[in-house]
Amino acid sequence: ARRLVIPHPRGGDRLIDVSAPLPPHMQQ
């Protein structure tokens, strides 16, 4: 689950945009 972009619960134009690194077995 690489990336999630979602409006912040407090509203407005703020976004939560987060990416996860590869887990060890996938990085290998």
mmCIF file of all heavy atoms, coordinates in Angstrom:
data_MODEL
# 
_entry.id   MODEL 
# 
loop_
_atom_site.group_PDB 
_atom_site.id 
_atom_site.type_symbol 
_atom_site.label_atom_id 
_atom_site.label_alt_id 
_atom_site.label_comp_id 
_atom_site.label_asym_id 
_atom_site.label_entity_id 
_atom_site.label_seq_id 
_atom_site.pdbx_PDB_ins_code 
_atom_site.Cartn_x 
_atom_site.Cartn_y 
_atom_site.Cartn_z 
_atom_site.occupancy 
_atom_site.B_iso_or_equiv 
_atom_site.pdbx_formal_charge 
_atom_site.auth_seq_id 
_atom_site.auth_comp_id 
_atom_site.auth_asym_id 
_atom_site.auth_atom_id 
_atom_site.pdbx_PDB_model_num 
ATOM 1   N N   . ALA A 1 1  ? 0.882   -1.168  0.000  1.00 0.00 ? 1  ALA A N   1 
ATOM 2   C CA  . ALA A 1 1  ? 0.000   0.000   0.000  1.00 0.00 ? 1  ALA A CA  1 
ATOM 3   C C   . ALA A 1 1  ? 0.918   1.216   0.000  1.00 0.00 ? 1  ALA A C   1 
ATOM 4   O O   . ALA A 1 1  ? 1.368   1.687   1.046  1.00 0.00 ? 1  ALA A O   1 
ATOM 5   C CB  . ALA A 1 1  ? -0.900  -0.006  1.229  1.00 0.00 ? 1  ALA A CB  1 
ATOM 6   N N   . ARG A 1 2  ? 1.234   1.685   -1.195 1.00 0.00 ? 2  ARG A N   1 
ATOM 7   C CA  . ARG A 1 2  ? 2.311   2.644   -1.401 1.00 0.00 ? 2  ARG A CA  1 
ATOM 8   C C   . ARG A 1 2  ? 1.969   4.078   -0.990 1.00 0.00 ? 2  ARG A C   1 
ATOM 9   O O   . ARG A 1 2  ? 2.737   4.740   -0.315 1.00 0.00 ? 2  ARG A O   1 
ATOM 10  C CB  . ARG A 1 2  ? 2.716   2.620   -2.885 1.00 0.00 ? 2  ARG A CB  1 
ATOM 11  C CG  . ARG A 1 2  ? 3.590   3.755   -3.356 1.00 0.00 ? 2  ARG A CG  1 
ATOM 12  C CD  . ARG A 1 2  ? 4.945   3.781   -2.701 1.00 0.00 ? 2  ARG A CD  1 
ATOM 13  N NE  . ARG A 1 2  ? 5.782   4.860   -3.245 1.00 0.00 ? 2  ARG A NE  1 
ATOM 14  C CZ  . ARG A 1 2  ? 7.000   5.152   -2.825 1.00 0.00 ? 2  ARG A CZ  1 
ATOM 15  N NH1 . ARG A 1 2  ? 7.526   4.456   -1.836 1.00 0.00 ? 2  ARG A NH1 1 
ATOM 16  N NH2 . ARG A 1 2  ? 7.686   6.118   -3.365 1.00 0.00 ? 2  ARG A NH2 1 
ATOM 17  N N   . ARG A 1 3  ? 0.778   4.558   -1.415 1.00 0.00 ? 3  ARG A N   1 
ATOM 18  C CA  . ARG A 1 3  ? 0.491   5.979   -1.208 1.00 0.00 ? 3  ARG A CA  1 
ATOM 19  C C   . ARG A 1 3  ? -0.989  6.188   -0.897 1.00 0.00 ? 3  ARG A C   1 
ATOM 20  O O   . ARG A 1 3  ? -1.851  5.479   -1.408 1.00 0.00 ? 3  ARG A O   1 
ATOM 21  C CB  . ARG A 1 3  ? 0.869   6.770   -2.472 1.00 0.00 ? 3  ARG A CB  1 
ATOM 22  C CG  . ARG A 1 3  ? 0.723   8.282   -2.350 1.00 0.00 ? 3  ARG A CG  1 
ATOM 23  C CD  . ARG A 1 3  ? 1.078   8.958   -3.668 1.00 0.00 ? 3  ARG A CD  1 
ATOM 24  N NE  . ARG A 1 3  ? 0.903   10.413  -3.588 1.00 0.00 ? 3  ARG A NE  1 
ATOM 25  C CZ  . ARG A 1 3  ? 0.867   11.220  -4.662 1.00 0.00 ? 3  ARG A CZ  1 
ATOM 26  N NH1 . ARG A 1 3  ? 1.022   10.697  -5.876 1.00 0.00 ? 3  ARG A NH1 1 
ATOM 27  N NH2 . ARG A 1 3  ? 0.686   12.521  -4.518 1.00 0.00 ? 3  ARG A NH2 1 
ATOM 28  N N   . LEU A 1 4  ? -1.244  7.171   -0.039 1.00 0.00 ? 4  LEU A N   1 
ATOM 29  C CA  . LEU A 1 4  ? -2.611  7.562   0.274  1.00 0.00 ? 4  LEU A CA  1 
ATOM 30  C C   . LEU A 1 4  ? -2.714  9.077   0.215  1.00 0.00 ? 4  LEU A C   1 
ATOM 31  O O   . LEU A 1 4  ? -1.904  9.784   0.822  1.00 0.00 ? 4  LEU A O   1 
ATOM 32  C CB  . LEU A 1 4  ? -3.010  7.078   1.676  1.00 0.00 ? 4  LEU A CB  1 
ATOM 33  C CG  . LEU A 1 4  ? -4.392  7.520   2.175  1.00 0.00 ? 4  LEU A CG  1 
ATOM 34  C CD1 . LEU A 1 4  ? -5.505  6.866   1.358  1.00 0.00 ? 4  LEU A CD1 1 
ATOM 35  C CD2 . LEU A 1 4  ? -4.564  7.196   3.662  1.00 0.00 ? 4  LEU A CD2 1 
ATOM 36  N N   . VAL A 1 5  ? -3.704  9.551   -0.541 1.00 0.00 ? 5  VAL A N   1 
ATOM 37  C CA  . VAL A 1 5  ? -4.000  10.988  -0.590 1.00 0.00 ? 5  VAL A CA  1 
ATOM 38  C C   . VAL A 1 5  ? -5.472  11.139  -0.211 1.00 0.00 ? 5  VAL A C   1 
ATOM 39  O O   . VAL A 1 5  ? -6.354  10.582  -0.873 1.00 0.00 ? 5  VAL A O   1 
ATOM 40  C CB  . VAL A 1 5  ? -3.762  11.580  -1.991 1.00 0.00 ? 5  VAL A CB  1 
ATOM 41  C CG1 . VAL A 1 5  ? -4.022  13.087  -1.976 1.00 0.00 ? 5  VAL A CG1 1 
ATOM 42  C CG2 . VAL A 1 5  ? -2.336  11.287  -2.475 1.00 0.00 ? 5  VAL A CG2 1 
ATOM 43  N N   . ILE A 1 6  ? -5.730  11.888  0.851  1.00 0.00 ? 6  ILE A N   1 
ATOM 44  C CA  . ILE A 1 6  ? -7.093  12.004  1.354  1.00 0.00 ? 6  ILE A CA  1 
ATOM 45  C C   . ILE A 1 6  ? -7.292  13.375  1.985  1.00 0.00 ? 6  ILE A C   1 
ATOM 46  O O   . ILE A 1 6  ? -6.370  13.914  2.607  1.00 0.00 ? 6  ILE A O   1 
ATOM 47  C CB  . ILE A 1 6  ? -7.371  10.874  2.383  1.00 0.00 ? 6  ILE A CB  1 
ATOM 48  C CG1 . ILE A 1 6  ? -8.845  10.831  2.775  1.00 0.00 ? 6  ILE A CG1 1 
ATOM 49  C CG2 . ILE A 1 6  ? -6.487  11.012  3.610  1.00 0.00 ? 6  ILE A CG2 1 
ATOM 50  C CD1 . ILE A 1 6  ? -9.212  9.595   3.589  1.00 0.00 ? 6  ILE A CD1 1 
ATOM 51  N N   . PRO A 1 7  ? -8.482  13.976  1.810  1.00 0.00 ? 7  PRO A N   1 
ATOM 52  C CA  . PRO A 1 7  ? -8.733  15.265  2.464  1.00 0.00 ? 7  PRO A CA  1 
ATOM 53  C C   . PRO A 1 7  ? -8.609  15.132  3.980  1.00 0.00 ? 7  PRO A C   1 
ATOM 54  O O   . PRO A 1 7  ? -9.027  14.135  4.571  1.00 0.00 ? 7  PRO A O   1 
ATOM 55  C CB  . PRO A 1 7  ? -10.182 15.582  2.054  1.00 0.00 ? 7  PRO A CB  1 
ATOM 56  C CG  . PRO A 1 7  ? -10.406 14.820  0.792  1.00 0.00 ? 7  PRO A CG  1 
ATOM 57  C CD  . PRO A 1 7  ? -9.608  13.559  0.950  1.00 0.00 ? 7  PRO A CD  1 
ATOM 58  N N   . HIS A 1 8  ? -8.043  16.155  4.592  1.00 0.00 ? 8  HIS A N   1 
ATOM 59  C CA  . HIS A 1 8  ? -7.898  16.130  6.046  1.00 0.00 ? 8  HIS A CA  1 
ATOM 60  C C   . HIS A 1 8  ? -9.275  16.226  6.694  1.00 0.00 ? 8  HIS A C   1 
ATOM 61  O O   . HIS A 1 8  ? -10.169 16.930  6.196  1.00 0.00 ? 8  HIS A O   1 
ATOM 62  C CB  . HIS A 1 8  ? -7.022  17.300  6.510  1.00 0.00 ? 8  HIS A CB  1 
ATOM 63  C CG  . HIS A 1 8  ? -6.518  17.150  7.903  1.00 0.00 ? 8  HIS A CG  1 
ATOM 64  N ND1 . HIS A 1 8  ? -7.286  17.469  9.011  1.00 0.00 ? 8  HIS A ND1 1 
ATOM 65  C CD2 . HIS A 1 8  ? -5.332  16.682  8.394  1.00 0.00 ? 8  HIS A CD2 1 
ATOM 66  C CE1 . HIS A 1 8  ? -6.596  17.222  10.103 1.00 0.00 ? 8  HIS A CE1 1 
ATOM 67  N NE2 . HIS A 1 8  ? -5.408  16.741  9.770  1.00 0.00 ? 8  HIS A NE2 1 
ATOM 68  N N   . PRO A 1 9  ? -9.507  15.516  7.806  1.00 0.00 ? 9  PRO A N   1 
ATOM 69  C CA  . PRO A 1 9  ? -10.836 15.542  8.430  1.00 0.00 ? 9  PRO A CA  1 
ATOM 70  C C   . PRO A 1 9  ? -11.279 16.915  8.910  1.00 0.00 ? 9  PRO A C   1 
ATOM 71  O O   . PRO A 1 9  ? -12.476 17.142  9.124  1.00 0.00 ? 9  PRO A O   1 
ATOM 72  C CB  . PRO A 1 9  ? -10.695 14.551  9.591  1.00 0.00 ? 9  PRO A CB  1 
ATOM 73  C CG  . PRO A 1 9  ? -9.230  14.425  9.846  1.00 0.00 ? 9  PRO A CG  1 
ATOM 74  C CD  . PRO A 1 9  ? -8.594  14.587  8.511  1.00 0.00 ? 9  PRO A CD  1 
ATOM 75  N N   . ARG A 1 10 ? -10.360 17.842  9.064  1.00 0.00 ? 10 ARG A N   1 
ATOM 76  C CA  . ARG A 1 10 ? -10.746 19.190  9.502  1.00 0.00 ? 10 ARG A CA  1 
ATOM 77  C C   . ARG A 1 10 ? -11.215 20.061  8.340  1.00 0.00 ? 10 ARG A C   1 
ATOM 78  O O   . ARG A 1 10 ? -11.613 21.214  8.543  1.00 0.00 ? 10 ARG A O   1 
ATOM 79  C CB  . ARG A 1 10 ? -9.605  19.864  10.259 1.00 0.00 ? 10 ARG A CB  1 
ATOM 80  C CG  . ARG A 1 10 ? -9.363  19.244  11.621 1.00 0.00 ? 10 ARG A CG  1 
ATOM 81  C CD  . ARG A 1 10 ? -8.434  20.053  12.485 1.00 0.00 ? 10 ARG A CD  1 
ATOM 82  N NE  . ARG A 1 10 ? -8.319  19.437  13.803 1.00 0.00 ? 10 ARG A NE  1 
ATOM 83  C CZ  . ARG A 1 10 ? -9.082  19.742  14.846 1.00 0.00 ? 10 ARG A CZ  1 
ATOM 84  N NH1 . ARG A 1 10 ? -10.027 20.652  14.721 1.00 0.00 ? 10 ARG A NH1 1 
ATOM 85  N NH2 . ARG A 1 10 ? -8.913  19.130  15.997 1.00 0.00 ? 10 ARG A NH2 1 
ATOM 86  N N   . GLY A 1 11 ? -11.159 19.514  7.117  1.00 0.00 ? 11 GLY A N   1 
ATOM 87  C CA  . GLY A 1 11 ? -11.713 20.220  5.970  1.00 0.00 ? 11 GLY A CA  1 
ATOM 88  C C   . GLY A 1 11 ? -10.754 21.239  5.376  1.00 0.00 ? 11 GLY A C   1 
ATOM 89  O O   . GLY A 1 11 ? -9.542  21.204  5.597  1.00 0.00 ? 11 GLY A O   1 
ATOM 90  N N   . GLY A 1 12 ? -11.339 22.159  4.591  1.00 0.00 ? 12 GLY A N   1 
ATOM 91  C CA  . GLY A 1 12 ? -10.517 23.125  3.878  1.00 0.00 ? 12 GLY A CA  1 
ATOM 92  C C   . GLY A 1 12 ? -9.807  22.462  2.703  1.00 0.00 ? 12 GLY A C   1 
ATOM 93  O O   . GLY A 1 12 ? -10.235 21.420  2.194  1.00 0.00 ? 12 GLY A O   1 
ATOM 94  N N   . ASP A 1 13 ? -8.712  23.071  2.279  1.00 0.00 ? 13 ASP A N   1 
ATOM 95  C CA  . ASP A 1 13 ? -7.951  22.534  1.149  1.00 0.00 ? 13 ASP A CA  1 
ATOM 96  C C   . ASP A 1 13 ? -6.823  21.601  1.597  1.00 0.00 ? 13 ASP A C   1 
ATOM 97  O O   . ASP A 1 13 ? -6.043  21.129  0.776  1.00 0.00 ? 13 ASP A O   1 
ATOM 98  C CB  . ASP A 1 13 ? -7.345  23.690  0.325  1.00 0.00 ? 13 ASP A CB  1 
ATOM 99  C CG  . ASP A 1 13 ? -8.419  24.574  -0.293 1.00 0.00 ? 13 ASP A CG  1 
ATOM 100 O OD1 . ASP A 1 13 ? -9.500  24.024  -0.602 1.00 0.00 ? 13 ASP A OD1 1 
ATOM 101 O OD2 . ASP A 1 13 ? -8.194  25.789  -0.442 1.00 0.00 ? 13 ASP A OD2 1 
ATOM 102 N N   . ARG A 1 14 ? -6.753  21.352  2.883  1.00 0.00 ? 14 ARG A N   1 
ATOM 103 C CA  . ARG A 1 14 ? -5.648  20.554  3.406  1.00 0.00 ? 14 ARG A CA  1 
ATOM 104 C C   . ARG A 1 14 ? -5.780  19.085  3.020  1.00 0.00 ? 14 ARG A C   1 
ATOM 105 O O   . ARG A 1 14 ? -6.864  18.504  3.121  1.00 0.00 ? 14 ARG A O   1 
ATOM 106 C CB  . ARG A 1 14 ? -5.604  20.691  4.924  1.00 0.00 ? 14 ARG A CB  1 
ATOM 107 C CG  . ARG A 1 14 ? -4.411  20.036  5.589  1.00 0.00 ? 14 ARG A CG  1 
ATOM 108 C CD  . ARG A 1 14 ? -4.444  20.318  7.083  1.00 0.00 ? 14 ARG A CD  1 
ATOM 109 N NE  . ARG A 1 14 ? -3.410  19.586  7.789  1.00 0.00 ? 14 ARG A NE  1 
ATOM 110 C CZ  . ARG A 1 14 ? -3.304  19.534  9.110  1.00 0.00 ? 14 ARG A CZ  1 
ATOM 111 N NH1 . ARG A 1 14 ? -4.182  20.187  9.852  1.00 0.00 ? 14 ARG A NH1 1 
ATOM 112 N NH2 . ARG A 1 14 ? -2.345  18.841  9.683  1.00 0.00 ? 14 ARG A NH2 1 
ATOM 113 N N   . LEU A 1 15 ? -4.683  18.489  2.569  1.00 0.00 ? 15 LEU A N   1 
ATOM 114 C CA  . LEU A 1 15 ? -4.657  17.083  2.189  1.00 0.00 ? 15 LEU A CA  1 
ATOM 115 C C   . LEU A 1 15 ? -3.628  16.330  3.026  1.00 0.00 ? 15 LEU A C   1 
ATOM 116 O O   . LEU A 1 15 ? -2.600  16.880  3.414  1.00 0.00 ? 15 LEU A O   1 
ATOM 117 C CB  . LEU A 1 15 ? -4.284  16.919  0.712  1.00 0.00 ? 15 LEU A CB  1 
ATOM 118 C CG  . LEU A 1 15 ? -5.294  17.345  -0.347 1.00 0.00 ? 15 LEU A CG  1 
ATOM 119 C CD1 . LEU A 1 15 ? -4.662  17.228  -1.726 1.00 0.00 ? 15 LEU A CD1 1 
ATOM 120 C CD2 . LEU A 1 15 ? -6.558  16.515  -0.278 1.00 0.00 ? 15 LEU A CD2 1 
ATOM 121 N N   . ILE A 1 16 ? -3.923  15.084  3.291  1.00 0.00 ? 16 ILE A N   1 
ATOM 122 C CA  . ILE A 1 16 ? -2.929  14.162  3.840  1.00 0.00 ? 16 ILE A CA  1 
ATOM 123 C C   . ILE A 1 16 ? -2.381  13.381  2.648  1.00 0.00 ? 16 ILE A C   1 
ATOM 124 O O   . ILE A 1 16 ? -3.138  12.719  1.937  1.00 0.00 ? 16 ILE A O   1 
ATOM 125 C CB  . ILE A 1 16 ? -3.566  13.202  4.862  1.00 0.00 ? 16 ILE A CB  1 
ATOM 126 C CG1 . ILE A 1 16 ? -4.159  13.985  6.025  1.00 0.00 ? 16 ILE A CG1 1 
ATOM 127 C CG2 . ILE A 1 16 ? -2.545  12.181  5.361  1.00 0.00 ? 16 ILE A CG2 1 
ATOM 128 C CD1 . ILE A 1 16 ? -5.034  13.144  6.944  1.00 0.00 ? 16 ILE A CD1 1 
ATOM 129 N N   . ASP A 1 17 ? -1.110  13.465  2.400  1.00 0.00 ? 17 ASP A N   1 
ATOM 130 C CA  . ASP A 1 17 ? -0.488  12.791  1.257  1.00 0.00 ? 17 ASP A CA  1 
ATOM 131 C C   . ASP A 1 17 ? 0.772   12.094  1.772  1.00 0.00 ? 17 ASP A C   1 
ATOM 132 O O   . ASP A 1 17 ? 1.783   12.739  2.033  1.00 0.00 ? 17 ASP A O   1 
ATOM 133 C CB  . ASP A 1 17 ? -0.138  13.808  0.168  1.00 0.00 ? 17 ASP A CB  1 
ATOM 134 C CG  . ASP A 1 17 ? 0.374   13.159  -1.120 1.00 0.00 ? 17 ASP A CG  1 
ATOM 135 O OD1 . ASP A 1 17 ? 0.707   11.958  -1.093 1.00 0.00 ? 17 ASP A OD1 1 
ATOM 136 O OD2 . ASP A 1 17 ? 0.444   13.855  -2.146 1.00 0.00 ? 17 ASP A OD2 1 
ATOM 137 N N   . VAL A 1 18 ? 0.691   10.780  1.927  1.00 0.00 ? 18 VAL A N   1 
ATOM 138 C CA  . VAL A 1 18 ? 1.770   10.024  2.558  1.00 0.00 ? 18 VAL A CA  1 
ATOM 139 C C   . VAL A 1 18 ? 2.149   8.831   1.679  1.00 0.00 ? 18 VAL A C   1 
ATOM 140 O O   . VAL A 1 18 ? 1.279   8.172   1.108  1.00 0.00 ? 18 VAL A O   1 
ATOM 141 C CB  . VAL A 1 18 ? 1.357   9.522   3.953  1.00 0.00 ? 18 VAL A CB  1 
ATOM 142 C CG1 . VAL A 1 18 ? 2.539   8.857   4.652  1.00 0.00 ? 18 VAL A CG1 1 
ATOM 143 C CG2 . VAL A 1 18 ? 0.821   10.667  4.800  1.00 0.00 ? 18 VAL A CG2 1 
ATOM 144 N N   . SER A 1 19 ? 3.451   8.554   1.593  1.00 0.00 ? 19 SER A N   1 
ATOM 145 C CA  . SER A 1 19 ? 3.952   7.394   0.858  1.00 0.00 ? 19 SER A CA  1 
ATOM 146 C C   . SER A 1 19 ? 4.747   6.498   1.796  1.00 0.00 ? 19 SER A C   1 
ATOM 147 O O   . SER A 1 19 ? 5.436   6.986   2.695  1.00 0.00 ? 19 SER A O   1 
ATOM 148 C CB  . SER A 1 19 ? 4.834   7.818   -0.308 1.00 0.00 ? 19 SER A CB  1 
ATOM 149 O OG  . SER A 1 19 ? 4.089   8.540   -1.270 1.00 0.00 ? 19 SER A OG  1 
ATOM 150 N N   . ALA A 1 20 ? 4.644   5.188   1.564  1.00 0.00 ? 20 ALA A N   1 
ATOM 151 C CA  . ALA A 1 20 ? 5.369   4.205   2.382  1.00 0.00 ? 20 ALA A CA  1 
ATOM 152 C C   . ALA A 1 20 ? 6.539   3.641   1.586  1.00 0.00 ? 20 ALA A C   1 
ATOM 153 O O   . ALA A 1 20 ? 6.431   3.423   0.378  1.00 0.00 ? 20 ALA A O   1 
ATOM 154 C CB  . ALA A 1 20 ? 4.438   3.069   2.799  1.00 0.00 ? 20 ALA A CB  1 
ATOM 155 N N   . PRO A 1 21 ? 7.667   3.369   2.241  1.00 0.00 ? 21 PRO A N   1 
ATOM 156 C CA  . PRO A 1 21 ? 8.806   2.761   1.547  1.00 0.00 ? 21 PRO A CA  1 
ATOM 157 C C   . PRO A 1 21 ? 8.554   1.283   1.275  1.00 0.00 ? 21 PRO A C   1 
ATOM 158 O O   . PRO A 1 21 ? 7.651   0.674   1.862  1.00 0.00 ? 21 PRO A O   1 
ATOM 159 C CB  . PRO A 1 21 ? 9.947   2.952   2.549  1.00 0.00 ? 21 PRO A CB  1 
ATOM 160 C CG  . PRO A 1 21 ? 9.257   2.917   3.887  1.00 0.00 ? 21 PRO A CG  1 
ATOM 161 C CD  . PRO A 1 21 ? 7.935   3.607   3.679  1.00 0.00 ? 21 PRO A CD  1 
ATOM 162 N N   . LEU A 1 22 ? 9.331   0.700   0.393  1.00 0.00 ? 22 LEU A N   1 
ATOM 163 C CA  . LEU A 1 22 ? 9.235   -0.729  0.137  1.00 0.00 ? 22 LEU A CA  1 
ATOM 164 C C   . LEU A 1 22 ? 9.575   -1.509  1.402  1.00 0.00 ? 22 LEU A C   1 
ATOM 165 O O   . LEU A 1 22 ? 10.531  -1.167  2.109  1.00 0.00 ? 22 LEU A O   1 
ATOM 166 C CB  . LEU A 1 22 ? 10.195  -1.138  -0.979 1.00 0.00 ? 22 LEU A CB  1 
ATOM 167 C CG  . LEU A 1 22 ? 9.854   -0.666  -2.394 1.00 0.00 ? 22 LEU A CG  1 
ATOM 168 C CD1 . LEU A 1 22 ? 11.084  -0.803  -3.289 1.00 0.00 ? 22 LEU A CD1 1 
ATOM 169 C CD2 . LEU A 1 22 ? 8.686   -1.448  -2.968 1.00 0.00 ? 22 LEU A CD2 1 
ATOM 170 N N   . PRO A 1 23 ? 8.839   -2.578  1.692  1.00 0.00 ? 23 PRO A N   1 
ATOM 171 C CA  . PRO A 1 23 ? 9.213   -3.438  2.820  1.00 0.00 ? 23 PRO A CA  1 
ATOM 172 C C   . PRO A 1 23 ? 10.498  -4.192  2.464  1.00 0.00 ? 23 PRO A C   1 
ATOM 173 O O   . PRO A 1 23 ? 10.858  -4.302  1.278  1.00 0.00 ? 23 PRO A O   1 
ATOM 174 C CB  . PRO A 1 23 ? 8.020   -4.379  2.956  1.00 0.00 ? 23 PRO A CB  1 
ATOM 175 C CG  . PRO A 1 23 ? 7.448   -4.453  1.588  1.00 0.00 ? 23 PRO A CG  1 
ATOM 176 C CD  . PRO A 1 23 ? 7.636   -3.079  1.001  1.00 0.00 ? 23 PRO A CD  1 
ATOM 177 N N   . PRO A 1 24 ? 11.197  -4.727  3.441  1.00 0.00 ? 24 PRO A N   1 
ATOM 178 C CA  . PRO A 1 24 ? 12.495  -5.364  3.172  1.00 0.00 ? 24 PRO A CA  1 
ATOM 179 C C   . PRO A 1 24 ? 12.480  -6.417  2.062  1.00 0.00 ? 24 PRO A C   1 
ATOM 180 O O   . PRO A 1 24 ? 13.378  -6.442  1.211  1.00 0.00 ? 24 PRO A O   1 
ATOM 181 C CB  . PRO A 1 24 ? 12.871  -5.968  4.527  1.00 0.00 ? 24 PRO A CB  1 
ATOM 182 C CG  . PRO A 1 24 ? 12.213  -5.071  5.524  1.00 0.00 ? 24 PRO A CG  1 
ATOM 183 C CD  . PRO A 1 24 ? 10.917  -4.671  4.894  1.00 0.00 ? 24 PRO A CD  1 
ATOM 184 N N   . HIS A 1 25 ? 11.470  -7.293  2.031  1.00 0.00 ? 25 HIS A N   1 
ATOM 185 C CA  . HIS A 1 25 ? 11.484  -8.350  1.015  1.00 0.00 ? 25 HIS A CA  1 
ATOM 186 C C   . HIS A 1 25 ? 11.248  -7.797  -0.385 1.00 0.00 ? 25 HIS A C   1 
ATOM 187 O O   . HIS A 1 25 ? 11.812  -8.309  -1.361 1.00 0.00 ? 25 HIS A O   1 
ATOM 188 C CB  . HIS A 1 25 ? 10.467  -9.449  1.347  1.00 0.00 ? 25 HIS A CB  1 
ATOM 189 C CG  . HIS A 1 25 ? 9.036   -9.046  1.213  1.00 0.00 ? 25 HIS A CG  1 
ATOM 190 N ND1 . HIS A 1 25 ? 8.388   -8.279  2.153  1.00 0.00 ? 25 HIS A ND1 1 
ATOM 191 C CD2 . HIS A 1 25 ? 8.101   -9.309  0.239  1.00 0.00 ? 25 HIS A CD2 1 
ATOM 192 C CE1 . HIS A 1 25 ? 7.126   -8.098  1.784  1.00 0.00 ? 25 HIS A CE1 1 
ATOM 193 N NE2 . HIS A 1 25 ? 6.932   -8.699  0.622  1.00 0.00 ? 25 HIS A NE2 1 
ATOM 194 N N   . MET A 1 26 ? 10.464  -6.714  -0.505 1.00 0.00 ? 26 MET A N   1 
ATOM 195 C CA  . MET A 1 26 ? 10.261  -6.102  -1.817 1.00 0.00 ? 26 MET A CA  1 
ATOM 196 C C   . MET A 1 26 ? 11.465  -5.256  -2.215 1.00 0.00 ? 26 MET A C   1 
ATOM 197 O O   . MET A 1 26 ? 11.847  -5.215  -3.393 1.00 0.00 ? 26 MET A O   1 
ATOM 198 C CB  . MET A 1 26 ? 8.978   -5.268  -1.822 1.00 0.00 ? 26 MET A CB  1 
ATOM 199 C CG  . MET A 1 26 ? 7.715   -6.119  -1.797 1.00 0.00 ? 26 MET A CG  1 
ATOM 200 S SD  . MET A 1 26 ? 6.160   -5.163  -1.841 1.00 0.00 ? 26 MET A SD  1 
ATOM 201 C CE  . MET A 1 26 ? 6.208   -4.497  -3.524 1.00 0.00 ? 26 MET A CE  1 
ATOM 202 N N   . GLN A 1 27 ? 12.093  -4.598  -1.241 1.00 0.00 ? 27 GLN A N   1 
ATOM 203 C CA  . GLN A 1 27 ? 13.305  -3.838  -1.550 1.00 0.00 ? 27 GLN A CA  1 
ATOM 204 C C   . GLN A 1 27 ? 14.390  -4.771  -2.081 1.00 0.00 ? 27 GLN A C   1 
ATOM 205 O O   . GLN A 1 27 ? 15.117  -4.425  -3.028 1.00 0.00 ? 27 GLN A O   1 
ATOM 206 C CB  . GLN A 1 27 ? 13.801  -3.109  -0.302 1.00 0.00 ? 27 GLN A CB  1 
ATOM 207 C CG  . GLN A 1 27 ? 15.021  -2.218  -0.545 1.00 0.00 ? 27 GLN A CG  1 
ATOM 208 C CD  . GLN A 1 27 ? 14.737  -1.089  -1.512 1.00 0.00 ? 27 GLN A CD  1 
ATOM 209 O OE1 . GLN A 1 27 ? 13.943  -0.195  -1.220 1.00 0.00 ? 27 GLN A OE1 1 
ATOM 210 N NE2 . GLN A 1 27 ? 15.361  -1.118  -2.691 1.00 0.00 ? 27 GLN A NE2 1 
ATOM 211 N N   . GLN A 1 28 ? 14.489  -5.957  -1.495 1.00 0.00 ? 28 GLN A N   1 
ATOM 212 C CA  . GLN A 1 28 ? 15.453  -6.952  -1.963 1.00 0.00 ? 28 GLN A CA  1 
ATOM 213 C C   . GLN A 1 28 ? 15.159  -7.331  -3.416 1.00 0.00 ? 28 GLN A C   1 
ATOM 214 O O   . GLN A 1 28 ? 16.070  -7.407  -4.249 1.00 0.00 ? 28 GLN A O   1 
ATOM 215 C CB  . GLN A 1 28 ? 15.403  -8.187  -1.076 1.00 0.00 ? 28 GLN A CB  1 
ATOM 216 C CG  . GLN A 1 28 ? 16.349  -9.310  -1.504 1.00 0.00 ? 28 GLN A CG  1 
ATOM 217 C CD  . GLN A 1 28 ? 16.267  -10.515 -0.574 1.00 0.00 ? 28 GLN A CD  1 
ATOM 218 O OE1 . GLN A 1 28 ? 15.991  -10.364 0.614  1.00 0.00 ? 28 GLN A OE1 1 
ATOM 219 N NE2 . GLN A 1 28 ? 16.505  -11.693 -1.107 1.00 0.00 ? 28 GLN A NE2 1 
# 
